[in-house]
Amino acid sequence: MSQLYLLHKPYRMLSQFTDSEGRATLAEVIDRPGIYAAGRLDYDSEGLLLLSDDGELIHRISHPRHKQSKTYRVLVEGQPSDAALNALREGVTLKDGPTRPAKVRRLSDSGLAERVPPLDPKRHPSTCWLELTISEGRNRQVRRMTAHVGHPTLRLVRVAIGPWRLDDLAPGQWRHQTLHAPKRADSRPSHRPRRRR
């Protein structure tokens, strides 16, 4: 049996349990021994992070060869044109090469709570929420893709990794599921969210 934890990583928290510089870490929101993150989210990104005590499961989730899709809700500067969104859908060429095509759509509402601290509307008077799904995981890829088409990312929240979804988890909350066999790794969690302590 493998233990899988679905955690909503807060803004300005590292995707690790220790830090020599005193920054916030996962140890502040989850206290289960022997678990490690499957992949990571940047310090200034938020959303779904998967953790497990099973190295093979972590590899299956995080290794690029398995092409787990990742879905993000992204607040960008300005109002992207159809041409900009189509460029993302076709794939853009970054410094480390062309990206695979992404699934992109505009959102009228993010469905997310306001970030703490919130963005300053005076500094960013025109913004747009996008939902963007990619199947690769380069360093800061989504941010670089939106900047490439002229719309820098202001806020980035990962809402899904493969079949696992953030759903109603608030920042700092997590839920747990037990996976009984690799074939059932996409089973839905049955436990209620636990509140941050």
N, C-alpha and C. Protein backbone atom coordinates (compact mmCIF):
# COMPACT_ATOMS: atom_id res chain seq x y z
N MET A 1 0.84 -1.20 0.00
CA MET A 1 0.00 0.00 0.00
C MET A 1 0.87 1.24 0.00
N SER A 2 0.45 2.24 -0.74
CA SER A 2 1.16 3.52 -0.79
C SER A 2 0.26 4.59 -0.19
N GLN A 3 0.89 5.54 0.48
CA GLN A 3 0.15 6.66 1.05
C GLN A 3 0.38 7.89 0.16
N LEU A 4 -0.70 8.53 -0.23
CA LEU A 4 -0.62 9.71 -1.07
C LEU A 4 -1.31 10.86 -0.34
N TYR A 5 -0.66 12.02 -0.34
CA TYR A 5 -1.20 13.20 0.31
C TYR A 5 -1.35 14.30 -0.74
N LEU A 6 -2.53 14.89 -0.80
CA LEU A 6 -2.82 16.00 -1.69
C LEU A 6 -2.83 17.26 -0.84
N LEU A 7 -1.91 18.16 -1.11
CA LEU A 7 -1.71 19.36 -0.30
C LEU A 7 -1.89 20.61 -1.15
N HIS A 8 -2.55 21.60 -0.58
CA HIS A 8 -2.62 22.92 -1.22
C HIS A 8 -1.46 23.74 -0.68
N LYS A 9 -0.38 23.83 -1.48
CA LYS A 9 0.79 24.60 -1.06
C LYS A 9 0.46 26.09 -1.10
N PRO A 10 0.66 26.78 0.01
CA PRO A 10 0.39 28.22 0.02
C PRO A 10 1.43 29.02 -0.76
N TYR A 11 1.07 30.24 -1.06
CA TYR A 11 1.97 31.22 -1.67
C TYR A 11 3.14 31.48 -0.72
N ARG A 12 4.32 31.65 -1.31
CA ARG A 12 5.54 31.92 -0.57
C ARG A 12 5.85 30.84 0.46
N MET A 13 5.82 29.60 -0.02
CA MET A 13 6.25 28.44 0.76
C MET A 13 7.06 27.54 -0.15
N LEU A 14 8.16 27.00 0.37
CA LEU A 14 8.99 26.08 -0.41
C LEU A 14 8.34 24.71 -0.49
N SER A 15 8.63 23.98 -1.57
CA SER A 15 8.12 22.62 -1.75
C SER A 15 9.08 21.61 -1.11
N GLN A 16 9.52 21.88 0.09
CA GLN A 16 10.44 21.01 0.82
C GLN A 16 10.22 21.22 2.31
N PHE A 17 10.85 20.38 3.12
CA PHE A 17 10.57 20.38 4.56
C PHE A 17 11.58 21.16 5.39
N THR A 18 12.70 21.56 4.83
CA THR A 18 13.69 22.33 5.57
C THR A 18 14.21 23.46 4.71
N ASP A 19 14.72 24.50 5.37
CA ASP A 19 15.33 25.61 4.65
C ASP A 19 16.29 26.33 5.58
N SER A 20 17.51 26.52 5.12
CA SER A 20 18.54 27.17 5.93
C SER A 20 18.36 28.68 6.02
N GLU A 21 17.48 29.24 5.18
CA GLU A 21 17.29 30.69 5.15
C GLU A 21 16.05 31.13 5.93
N GLY A 22 15.38 30.19 6.57
CA GLY A 22 14.24 30.56 7.41
C GLY A 22 12.94 30.81 6.67
N ARG A 23 12.85 30.41 5.40
CA ARG A 23 11.60 30.58 4.66
C ARG A 23 10.59 29.51 5.06
N ALA A 24 9.32 29.77 4.79
CA ALA A 24 8.27 28.81 5.13
C ALA A 24 8.47 27.51 4.34
N THR A 25 8.23 26.38 5.00
CA THR A 25 8.37 25.06 4.37
C THR A 25 7.13 24.21 4.61
N LEU A 26 7.10 23.06 3.97
CA LEU A 26 5.98 22.14 4.11
C LEU A 26 5.81 21.66 5.54
N ALA A 27 6.88 21.67 6.33
CA ALA A 27 6.80 21.21 7.72
C ALA A 27 5.80 22.03 8.53
N GLU A 28 5.46 23.22 8.05
CA GLU A 28 4.51 24.06 8.77
C GLU A 28 3.06 23.64 8.56
N VAL A 29 2.80 22.84 7.52
CA VAL A 29 1.41 22.50 7.21
C VAL A 29 1.12 20.99 7.18
N ILE A 30 2.14 20.15 7.13
CA ILE A 30 1.90 18.71 7.14
C ILE A 30 3.02 18.03 7.93
N ASP A 31 2.64 17.12 8.83
CA ASP A 31 3.60 16.55 9.76
C ASP A 31 3.68 15.02 9.69
N ARG A 32 3.51 14.47 8.49
CA ARG A 32 3.59 13.03 8.34
C ARG A 32 5.03 12.62 8.04
N PRO A 33 5.60 11.66 8.79
CA PRO A 33 7.01 11.29 8.59
C PRO A 33 7.20 10.46 7.32
N GLY A 34 8.38 10.58 6.73
CA GLY A 34 8.78 9.71 5.62
C GLY A 34 8.11 10.00 4.30
N ILE A 35 7.56 11.21 4.12
CA ILE A 35 6.93 11.52 2.84
C ILE A 35 7.76 12.57 2.10
N TYR A 36 7.66 12.52 0.78
CA TYR A 36 8.43 13.42 -0.08
C TYR A 36 7.52 13.92 -1.19
N ALA A 37 7.83 15.11 -1.69
CA ALA A 37 7.02 15.70 -2.75
C ALA A 37 7.32 15.05 -4.10
N ALA A 38 6.26 14.81 -4.86
CA ALA A 38 6.40 14.32 -6.23
C ALA A 38 6.40 15.54 -7.14
N GLY A 39 7.59 16.06 -7.44
CA GLY A 39 7.69 17.30 -8.19
C GLY A 39 7.70 18.47 -7.23
N ARG A 40 7.47 19.65 -7.76
CA ARG A 40 7.55 20.84 -6.93
C ARG A 40 6.70 21.95 -7.52
N LEU A 41 6.49 22.97 -6.70
CA LEU A 41 5.92 24.24 -7.14
C LEU A 41 6.88 25.33 -6.69
N ASP A 42 7.03 26.36 -7.51
CA ASP A 42 7.90 27.45 -7.13
C ASP A 42 7.43 28.12 -5.84
N TYR A 43 8.34 28.80 -5.19
CA TYR A 43 8.08 29.51 -3.93
C TYR A 43 6.89 30.46 -4.08
N ASP A 44 6.79 31.13 -5.24
CA ASP A 44 5.74 32.12 -5.44
C ASP A 44 4.53 31.57 -6.19
N SER A 45 4.47 30.25 -6.35
CA SER A 45 3.30 29.60 -6.96
C SER A 45 2.50 28.88 -5.87
N GLU A 46 1.25 28.57 -6.19
CA GLU A 46 0.35 27.96 -5.21
C GLU A 46 -0.29 26.72 -5.80
N GLY A 47 -0.99 25.98 -4.94
CA GLY A 47 -1.85 24.94 -5.44
C GLY A 47 -1.42 23.52 -5.12
N LEU A 48 -1.86 22.59 -5.96
CA LEU A 48 -1.76 21.17 -5.67
C LEU A 48 -0.33 20.66 -5.71
N LEU A 49 0.06 20.03 -4.61
CA LEU A 49 1.33 19.34 -4.50
C LEU A 49 1.04 17.94 -3.98
N LEU A 50 1.58 16.93 -4.65
CA LEU A 50 1.39 15.54 -4.23
C LEU A 50 2.62 15.07 -3.47
N LEU A 51 2.39 14.36 -2.36
CA LEU A 51 3.46 13.81 -1.55
C LEU A 51 3.16 12.35 -1.26
N SER A 52 4.21 11.54 -1.10
CA SER A 52 4.01 10.12 -0.85
C SER A 52 5.19 9.54 -0.10
N ASP A 53 4.96 8.36 0.48
CA ASP A 53 6.03 7.59 1.10
C ASP A 53 6.57 6.51 0.16
N ASP A 54 6.08 6.49 -1.08
CA ASP A 54 6.41 5.45 -2.05
C ASP A 54 7.25 6.05 -3.18
N GLY A 55 8.54 5.70 -3.21
CA GLY A 55 9.43 6.26 -4.23
C GLY A 55 9.01 5.93 -5.64
N GLU A 56 8.49 4.72 -5.87
CA GLU A 56 8.05 4.36 -7.22
C GLU A 56 6.86 5.20 -7.66
N LEU A 57 5.92 5.44 -6.75
CA LEU A 57 4.77 6.28 -7.07
C LEU A 57 5.22 7.71 -7.35
N ILE A 58 6.12 8.24 -6.54
CA ILE A 58 6.65 9.58 -6.77
C ILE A 58 7.26 9.67 -8.17
N HIS A 59 8.02 8.64 -8.56
CA HIS A 59 8.63 8.63 -9.89
C HIS A 59 7.56 8.63 -10.98
N ARG A 60 6.54 7.80 -10.82
CA ARG A 60 5.48 7.72 -11.84
C ARG A 60 4.76 9.06 -11.99
N ILE A 61 4.58 9.75 -10.89
CA ILE A 61 3.87 11.02 -10.94
C ILE A 61 4.74 12.12 -11.56
N SER A 62 6.01 12.16 -11.17
CA SER A 62 6.83 13.33 -11.48
C SER A 62 7.74 13.21 -12.69
N HIS A 63 8.06 11.99 -13.13
CA HIS A 63 9.02 11.87 -14.23
C HIS A 63 8.40 12.31 -15.55
N PRO A 64 9.10 13.15 -16.31
CA PRO A 64 8.55 13.65 -17.59
C PRO A 64 8.14 12.54 -18.56
N ARG A 65 8.80 11.38 -18.48
CA ARG A 65 8.48 10.29 -19.41
C ARG A 65 7.01 9.85 -19.29
N HIS A 66 6.41 10.03 -18.11
CA HIS A 66 5.03 9.59 -17.91
C HIS A 66 4.01 10.63 -18.34
N LYS A 67 4.49 11.86 -18.64
CA LYS A 67 3.64 12.90 -19.25
C LYS A 67 2.33 13.13 -18.48
N GLN A 68 2.41 13.21 -17.16
CA GLN A 68 1.22 13.56 -16.40
C GLN A 68 0.81 14.98 -16.75
N SER A 69 -0.44 15.17 -17.15
CA SER A 69 -0.90 16.52 -17.44
C SER A 69 -1.02 17.31 -16.14
N LYS A 70 -0.76 18.60 -16.25
CA LYS A 70 -0.88 19.51 -15.11
C LYS A 70 -1.71 20.71 -15.55
N THR A 71 -2.71 21.04 -14.74
CA THR A 71 -3.62 22.13 -15.07
C THR A 71 -3.44 23.27 -14.08
N TYR A 72 -3.35 24.48 -14.61
CA TYR A 72 -3.11 25.67 -13.81
C TYR A 72 -4.19 26.71 -14.08
N ARG A 73 -4.53 27.48 -13.07
CA ARG A 73 -5.29 28.71 -13.27
C ARG A 73 -4.29 29.85 -13.11
N VAL A 74 -4.24 30.69 -14.13
CA VAL A 74 -3.16 31.66 -14.25
C VAL A 74 -3.76 33.05 -14.46
N LEU A 75 -3.40 33.97 -13.58
CA LEU A 75 -3.79 35.37 -13.75
C LEU A 75 -2.68 36.07 -14.49
N VAL A 76 -3.00 36.62 -15.66
CA VAL A 76 -1.98 37.27 -16.48
C VAL A 76 -2.26 38.76 -16.60
N GLU A 77 -1.20 39.48 -16.91
CA GLU A 77 -1.30 40.92 -17.15
C GLU A 77 -1.94 41.15 -18.50
N GLY A 78 -2.90 42.08 -18.54
CA GLY A 78 -3.52 42.45 -19.81
C GLY A 78 -4.63 41.49 -20.23
N GLN A 79 -5.05 41.64 -21.49
CA GLN A 79 -6.14 40.84 -22.06
C GLN A 79 -5.61 40.11 -23.30
N PRO A 80 -5.25 38.84 -23.17
CA PRO A 80 -4.67 38.11 -24.30
C PRO A 80 -5.62 38.05 -25.50
N SER A 81 -5.06 38.25 -26.65
CA SER A 81 -5.84 38.14 -27.89
C SER A 81 -6.02 36.67 -28.26
N ASP A 82 -6.92 36.43 -29.22
CA ASP A 82 -7.07 35.06 -29.71
C ASP A 82 -5.77 34.56 -30.31
N ALA A 83 -5.02 35.44 -30.95
CA ALA A 83 -3.74 35.04 -31.56
C ALA A 83 -2.75 34.59 -30.48
N ALA A 84 -2.73 35.29 -29.34
CA ALA A 84 -1.83 34.90 -28.26
C ALA A 84 -2.21 33.53 -27.70
N LEU A 85 -3.51 33.31 -27.51
CA LEU A 85 -3.95 32.01 -26.98
C LEU A 85 -3.68 30.90 -27.99
N ASN A 86 -3.88 31.18 -29.27
CA ASN A 86 -3.60 30.17 -30.29
C ASN A 86 -2.12 29.82 -30.34
N ALA A 87 -1.26 30.80 -30.09
CA ALA A 87 0.18 30.52 -30.05
C ALA A 87 0.51 29.53 -28.93
N LEU A 88 -0.13 29.70 -27.78
CA LEU A 88 0.07 28.76 -26.67
C LEU A 88 -0.46 27.37 -27.04
N ARG A 89 -1.59 27.35 -27.73
CA ARG A 89 -2.19 26.06 -28.12
C ARG A 89 -1.32 25.32 -29.13
N GLU A 90 -0.61 26.07 -29.96
CA GLU A 90 0.24 25.44 -30.97
C GLU A 90 1.63 25.10 -30.43
N GLY A 91 2.00 25.74 -29.32
CA GLY A 91 3.34 25.57 -28.77
C GLY A 91 4.21 26.75 -29.13
N VAL A 92 4.96 27.25 -28.16
CA VAL A 92 5.85 28.39 -28.40
C VAL A 92 7.30 27.93 -28.22
N THR A 93 8.22 28.68 -28.80
CA THR A 93 9.63 28.33 -28.69
C THR A 93 10.30 29.17 -27.62
N LEU A 94 10.72 28.51 -26.54
CA LEU A 94 11.42 29.16 -25.44
C LEU A 94 12.92 28.97 -25.62
N LYS A 95 13.70 29.52 -24.70
CA LYS A 95 15.15 29.41 -24.81
C LYS A 95 15.62 27.96 -24.78
N ASP A 96 14.87 27.08 -24.10
CA ASP A 96 15.25 25.67 -24.04
C ASP A 96 14.48 24.82 -25.05
N GLY A 97 13.93 25.46 -26.08
CA GLY A 97 13.29 24.72 -27.16
C GLY A 97 11.78 24.89 -27.20
N PRO A 98 11.15 24.31 -28.23
CA PRO A 98 9.70 24.45 -28.38
C PRO A 98 8.93 23.66 -27.32
N THR A 99 7.81 24.22 -26.91
CA THR A 99 6.93 23.52 -25.97
C THR A 99 5.94 22.65 -26.73
N ARG A 100 5.40 21.69 -26.04
CA ARG A 100 4.28 20.93 -26.62
C ARG A 100 3.04 21.82 -26.62
N PRO A 101 2.09 21.55 -27.48
CA PRO A 101 0.85 22.33 -27.46
C PRO A 101 0.18 22.27 -26.09
N ALA A 102 -0.39 23.39 -25.68
CA ALA A 102 -1.10 23.48 -24.41
C ALA A 102 -2.59 23.62 -24.67
N LYS A 103 -3.39 23.19 -23.72
CA LYS A 103 -4.82 23.48 -23.74
C LYS A 103 -5.02 24.79 -22.98
N VAL A 104 -5.70 25.74 -23.59
CA VAL A 104 -5.86 27.06 -22.97
C VAL A 104 -7.29 27.55 -23.18
N ARG A 105 -7.85 28.14 -22.13
CA ARG A 105 -9.15 28.81 -22.27
C ARG A 105 -9.21 29.97 -21.29
N ARG A 106 -9.97 30.99 -21.68
CA ARG A 106 -10.22 32.11 -20.79
C ARG A 106 -11.23 31.69 -19.72
N LEU A 107 -11.10 32.29 -18.54
CA LEU A 107 -12.04 32.05 -17.45
C LEU A 107 -12.69 33.38 -17.07
N SER A 108 -14.01 33.36 -16.88
CA SER A 108 -14.67 34.57 -16.39
C SER A 108 -14.40 34.77 -14.90
N ASP A 109 -14.11 33.66 -14.20
CA ASP A 109 -13.81 33.72 -12.78
C ASP A 109 -12.89 32.57 -12.44
N SER A 110 -11.95 32.80 -11.56
CA SER A 110 -10.98 31.74 -11.24
C SER A 110 -11.56 30.67 -10.34
N GLY A 111 -12.60 31.01 -9.56
CA GLY A 111 -13.13 30.08 -8.57
C GLY A 111 -12.22 29.93 -7.36
N LEU A 112 -11.21 30.78 -7.23
CA LEU A 112 -10.25 30.69 -6.14
C LEU A 112 -10.44 31.84 -5.16
N ALA A 113 -10.04 31.58 -3.92
CA ALA A 113 -10.04 32.66 -2.92
C ALA A 113 -8.93 33.65 -3.26
N GLU A 114 -9.06 34.86 -2.77
CA GLU A 114 -8.05 35.88 -3.01
C GLU A 114 -6.74 35.48 -2.35
N ARG A 115 -5.66 35.78 -3.02
CA ARG A 115 -4.35 35.46 -2.48
C ARG A 115 -4.03 36.32 -1.26
N VAL A 116 -3.24 35.75 -0.35
CA VAL A 116 -2.75 36.51 0.80
C VAL A 116 -1.22 36.57 0.71
N PRO A 117 -0.64 37.79 0.55
CA PRO A 117 -1.31 39.08 0.37
C PRO A 117 -1.89 39.21 -1.03
N PRO A 118 -2.93 40.05 -1.18
CA PRO A 118 -3.56 40.18 -2.50
C PRO A 118 -2.69 41.00 -3.46
N LEU A 119 -2.99 40.84 -4.74
CA LEU A 119 -2.35 41.69 -5.75
C LEU A 119 -2.88 43.12 -5.63
N ASP A 120 -2.06 44.08 -6.01
CA ASP A 120 -2.45 45.48 -5.96
C ASP A 120 -3.14 45.86 -7.27
N PRO A 121 -4.45 46.14 -7.24
CA PRO A 121 -5.15 46.46 -8.50
C PRO A 121 -4.66 47.75 -9.14
N LYS A 122 -4.05 48.64 -8.36
CA LYS A 122 -3.52 49.87 -8.95
C LYS A 122 -2.31 49.59 -9.82
N ARG A 123 -1.52 48.59 -9.43
CA ARG A 123 -0.34 48.23 -10.23
C ARG A 123 -0.73 47.37 -11.42
N HIS A 124 -1.85 46.66 -11.31
CA HIS A 124 -2.28 45.72 -12.37
C HIS A 124 -3.76 45.98 -12.69
N PRO A 125 -4.07 47.09 -13.37
CA PRO A 125 -5.47 47.44 -13.61
C PRO A 125 -6.18 46.53 -14.60
N SER A 126 -5.43 45.88 -15.48
CA SER A 126 -6.05 45.01 -16.50
C SER A 126 -5.45 43.61 -16.39
N THR A 127 -6.30 42.65 -16.03
CA THR A 127 -5.84 41.27 -15.87
C THR A 127 -6.86 40.30 -16.46
N CYS A 128 -6.43 39.06 -16.65
CA CYS A 128 -7.29 38.04 -17.22
C CYS A 128 -6.90 36.69 -16.63
N TRP A 129 -7.90 35.89 -16.25
CA TRP A 129 -7.65 34.52 -15.79
C TRP A 129 -7.70 33.56 -16.97
N LEU A 130 -6.71 32.67 -17.02
CA LEU A 130 -6.66 31.61 -18.01
C LEU A 130 -6.60 30.26 -17.28
N GLU A 131 -7.10 29.23 -17.92
CA GLU A 131 -6.83 27.86 -17.48
C GLU A 131 -5.93 27.23 -18.53
N LEU A 132 -4.81 26.70 -18.09
CA LEU A 132 -3.79 26.21 -19.02
C LEU A 132 -3.34 24.82 -18.57
N THR A 133 -3.37 23.87 -19.50
CA THR A 133 -2.96 22.49 -19.20
C THR A 133 -1.77 22.13 -20.08
N ILE A 134 -0.70 21.64 -19.44
CA ILE A 134 0.50 21.21 -20.16
C ILE A 134 0.83 19.78 -19.75
N SER A 135 1.67 19.12 -20.56
CA SER A 135 2.05 17.73 -20.26
C SER A 135 3.56 17.59 -20.13
N GLU A 136 4.21 18.69 -19.81
CA GLU A 136 5.64 18.65 -19.53
C GLU A 136 5.89 19.57 -18.34
N GLY A 137 7.09 19.55 -17.79
CA GLY A 137 7.31 20.27 -16.56
C GLY A 137 8.65 20.96 -16.50
N ARG A 138 8.92 21.84 -17.44
CA ARG A 138 10.17 22.59 -17.39
C ARG A 138 10.13 23.65 -16.28
N ASN A 139 11.29 24.14 -15.94
CA ASN A 139 11.38 25.13 -14.88
C ASN A 139 10.60 26.40 -15.25
N ARG A 140 9.66 26.77 -14.40
CA ARG A 140 8.83 27.97 -14.57
C ARG A 140 8.22 28.05 -15.96
N GLN A 141 7.80 26.92 -16.48
CA GLN A 141 7.36 26.85 -17.88
C GLN A 141 6.14 27.71 -18.16
N VAL A 142 5.12 27.61 -17.33
CA VAL A 142 3.90 28.37 -17.61
C VAL A 142 4.18 29.86 -17.59
N ARG A 143 4.95 30.31 -16.62
CA ARG A 143 5.31 31.73 -16.55
C ARG A 143 6.06 32.18 -17.80
N ARG A 144 6.97 31.34 -18.25
CA ARG A 144 7.74 31.71 -19.44
C ARG A 144 6.87 31.71 -20.70
N MET A 145 5.91 30.77 -20.76
CA MET A 145 5.02 30.72 -21.92
C MET A 145 4.14 31.96 -22.01
N THR A 146 3.53 32.36 -20.90
CA THR A 146 2.65 33.53 -20.96
C THR A 146 3.45 34.80 -21.23
N ALA A 147 4.66 34.89 -20.66
CA ALA A 147 5.50 36.06 -20.94
C ALA A 147 5.89 36.10 -22.41
N HIS A 148 6.12 34.93 -22.99
CA HIS A 148 6.53 34.86 -24.40
C HIS A 148 5.48 35.47 -25.32
N VAL A 149 4.20 35.31 -24.97
CA VAL A 149 3.13 35.88 -25.81
C VAL A 149 2.70 37.26 -25.31
N GLY A 150 3.50 37.86 -24.43
CA GLY A 150 3.27 39.25 -24.04
C GLY A 150 2.37 39.47 -22.84
N HIS A 151 2.13 38.42 -22.04
CA HIS A 151 1.22 38.55 -20.90
C HIS A 151 1.84 37.88 -19.67
N PRO A 152 2.68 38.60 -18.94
CA PRO A 152 3.35 38.01 -17.78
C PRO A 152 2.36 37.46 -16.75
N THR A 153 2.72 36.36 -16.12
CA THR A 153 1.91 35.75 -15.09
C THR A 153 2.04 36.52 -13.79
N LEU A 154 0.90 36.86 -13.21
CA LEU A 154 0.85 37.56 -11.92
C LEU A 154 0.54 36.60 -10.77
N ARG A 155 -0.20 35.57 -11.04
CA ARG A 155 -0.54 34.57 -10.03
C ARG A 155 -0.71 33.23 -10.72
N LEU A 156 -0.19 32.17 -10.11
CA LEU A 156 -0.26 30.85 -10.71
C LEU A 156 -0.67 29.84 -9.65
N VAL A 157 -1.77 29.11 -9.92
CA VAL A 157 -2.30 28.12 -8.99
C VAL A 157 -2.49 26.80 -9.74
N ARG A 158 -1.80 25.75 -9.32
CA ARG A 158 -1.99 24.44 -9.95
C ARG A 158 -3.23 23.79 -9.34
N VAL A 159 -4.17 23.39 -10.20
CA VAL A 159 -5.43 22.83 -9.72
C VAL A 159 -5.56 21.34 -10.00
N ALA A 160 -4.66 20.75 -10.81
CA ALA A 160 -4.76 19.32 -11.08
C ALA A 160 -3.42 18.77 -11.55
N ILE A 161 -3.15 17.53 -11.17
CA ILE A 161 -2.03 16.74 -11.69
C ILE A 161 -2.62 15.41 -12.10
N GLY A 162 -2.64 15.13 -13.41
CA GLY A 162 -3.27 13.90 -13.87
C GLY A 162 -4.70 13.83 -13.34
N PRO A 163 -5.09 12.73 -12.67
CA PRO A 163 -6.46 12.58 -12.18
C PRO A 163 -6.71 13.24 -10.83
N TRP A 164 -5.67 13.75 -10.19
CA TRP A 164 -5.82 14.32 -8.85
C TRP A 164 -6.10 15.81 -8.94
N ARG A 165 -7.10 16.28 -8.16
CA ARG A 165 -7.53 17.67 -8.25
C ARG A 165 -7.46 18.36 -6.90
N LEU A 166 -7.26 19.66 -6.95
CA LEU A 166 -7.21 20.47 -5.74
C LEU A 166 -8.57 20.53 -5.07
N ASP A 167 -9.62 20.63 -5.86
CA ASP A 167 -11.00 20.71 -5.36
C ASP A 167 -11.12 21.80 -4.30
N ASP A 168 -11.66 21.45 -3.12
CA ASP A 168 -11.99 22.48 -2.12
C ASP A 168 -10.91 22.67 -1.06
N LEU A 169 -9.71 22.17 -1.29
CA LEU A 169 -8.65 22.37 -0.30
C LEU A 169 -8.24 23.84 -0.24
N ALA A 170 -8.23 24.40 0.95
CA ALA A 170 -7.75 25.77 1.16
C ALA A 170 -6.24 25.74 1.35
N PRO A 171 -5.56 26.87 1.17
CA PRO A 171 -4.11 26.89 1.38
C PRO A 171 -3.72 26.33 2.75
N GLY A 172 -2.77 25.39 2.73
CA GLY A 172 -2.32 24.76 3.95
C GLY A 172 -3.09 23.52 4.33
N GLN A 173 -4.21 23.23 3.66
CA GLN A 173 -4.98 22.02 3.94
C GLN A 173 -4.47 20.86 3.10
N TRP A 174 -4.73 19.64 3.57
CA TRP A 174 -4.35 18.45 2.83
C TRP A 174 -5.38 17.35 3.08
N ARG A 175 -5.40 16.39 2.17
CA ARG A 175 -6.19 15.18 2.37
C ARG A 175 -5.33 13.99 1.97
N HIS A 176 -5.75 12.82 2.43
CA HIS A 176 -4.94 11.61 2.31
C HIS A 176 -5.74 10.52 1.62
N GLN A 177 -5.06 9.69 0.85
CA GLN A 177 -5.67 8.49 0.32
C GLN A 177 -4.65 7.36 0.33
N THR A 178 -5.15 6.14 0.48
CA THR A 178 -4.31 4.95 0.43
C THR A 178 -4.50 4.29 -0.92
N LEU A 179 -3.39 4.05 -1.61
CA LEU A 179 -3.42 3.39 -2.91
C LEU A 179 -3.02 1.94 -2.71
N HIS A 180 -3.90 1.03 -3.07
CA HIS A 180 -3.66 -0.39 -2.78
C HIS A 180 -2.87 -1.10 -3.86
N ALA A 181 -2.85 -0.53 -5.06
CA ALA A 181 -2.09 -1.13 -6.16
C ALA A 181 -1.84 -0.05 -7.19
N PRO A 182 -0.76 -0.17 -7.99
CA PRO A 182 -0.48 0.87 -8.99
C PRO A 182 -1.63 1.15 -9.93
N LYS A 183 -2.42 0.11 -10.29
CA LYS A 183 -3.51 0.32 -11.23
C LYS A 183 -4.61 1.19 -10.64
N ARG A 184 -4.63 1.33 -9.31
CA ARG A 184 -5.66 2.14 -8.68
C ARG A 184 -5.14 3.51 -8.30
N ALA A 185 -4.00 3.89 -8.85
CA ALA A 185 -3.38 5.16 -8.47
C ALA A 185 -4.23 6.37 -8.83
N ASP A 186 -5.23 6.16 -9.69
CA ASP A 186 -6.08 7.30 -10.05
C ASP A 186 -7.40 7.28 -9.31
N SER A 187 -7.51 6.47 -8.25
CA SER A 187 -8.74 6.44 -7.48
C SER A 187 -8.96 7.77 -6.79
N ARG A 188 -10.21 8.09 -6.57
CA ARG A 188 -10.55 9.37 -5.98
C ARG A 188 -10.36 9.33 -4.47
N PRO A 189 -9.91 10.42 -3.85
CA PRO A 189 -9.74 10.44 -2.41
C PRO A 189 -11.07 10.38 -1.70
N SER A 190 -11.08 9.74 -0.53
CA SER A 190 -12.32 9.60 0.21
C SER A 190 -12.30 10.33 1.54
N HIS A 191 -11.18 10.94 1.88
CA HIS A 191 -11.05 11.59 3.18
C HIS A 191 -11.35 13.08 3.06
N ARG A 192 -11.94 13.63 4.10
CA ARG A 192 -12.26 15.05 4.13
C ARG A 192 -11.00 15.87 4.37
N PRO A 193 -10.98 17.11 3.90
CA PRO A 193 -9.80 17.95 4.14
C PRO A 193 -9.53 18.13 5.63
N ARG A 194 -8.26 18.19 5.97
CA ARG A 194 -7.87 18.52 7.34
C ARG A 194 -7.38 19.96 7.34
N ARG A 195 -7.80 20.68 8.35
CA ARG A 195 -7.44 22.11 8.40
C ARG A 195 -6.03 22.29 8.93
N ARG A 196 -5.43 23.34 8.42
CA ARG A 196 -4.07 23.68 8.86
C ARG A 196 -4.09 23.96 10.36
N ARG A 197 -3.08 23.44 11.03
CA ARG A 197 -2.98 23.66 12.46
C ARG A 197 -1.93 24.71 12.77
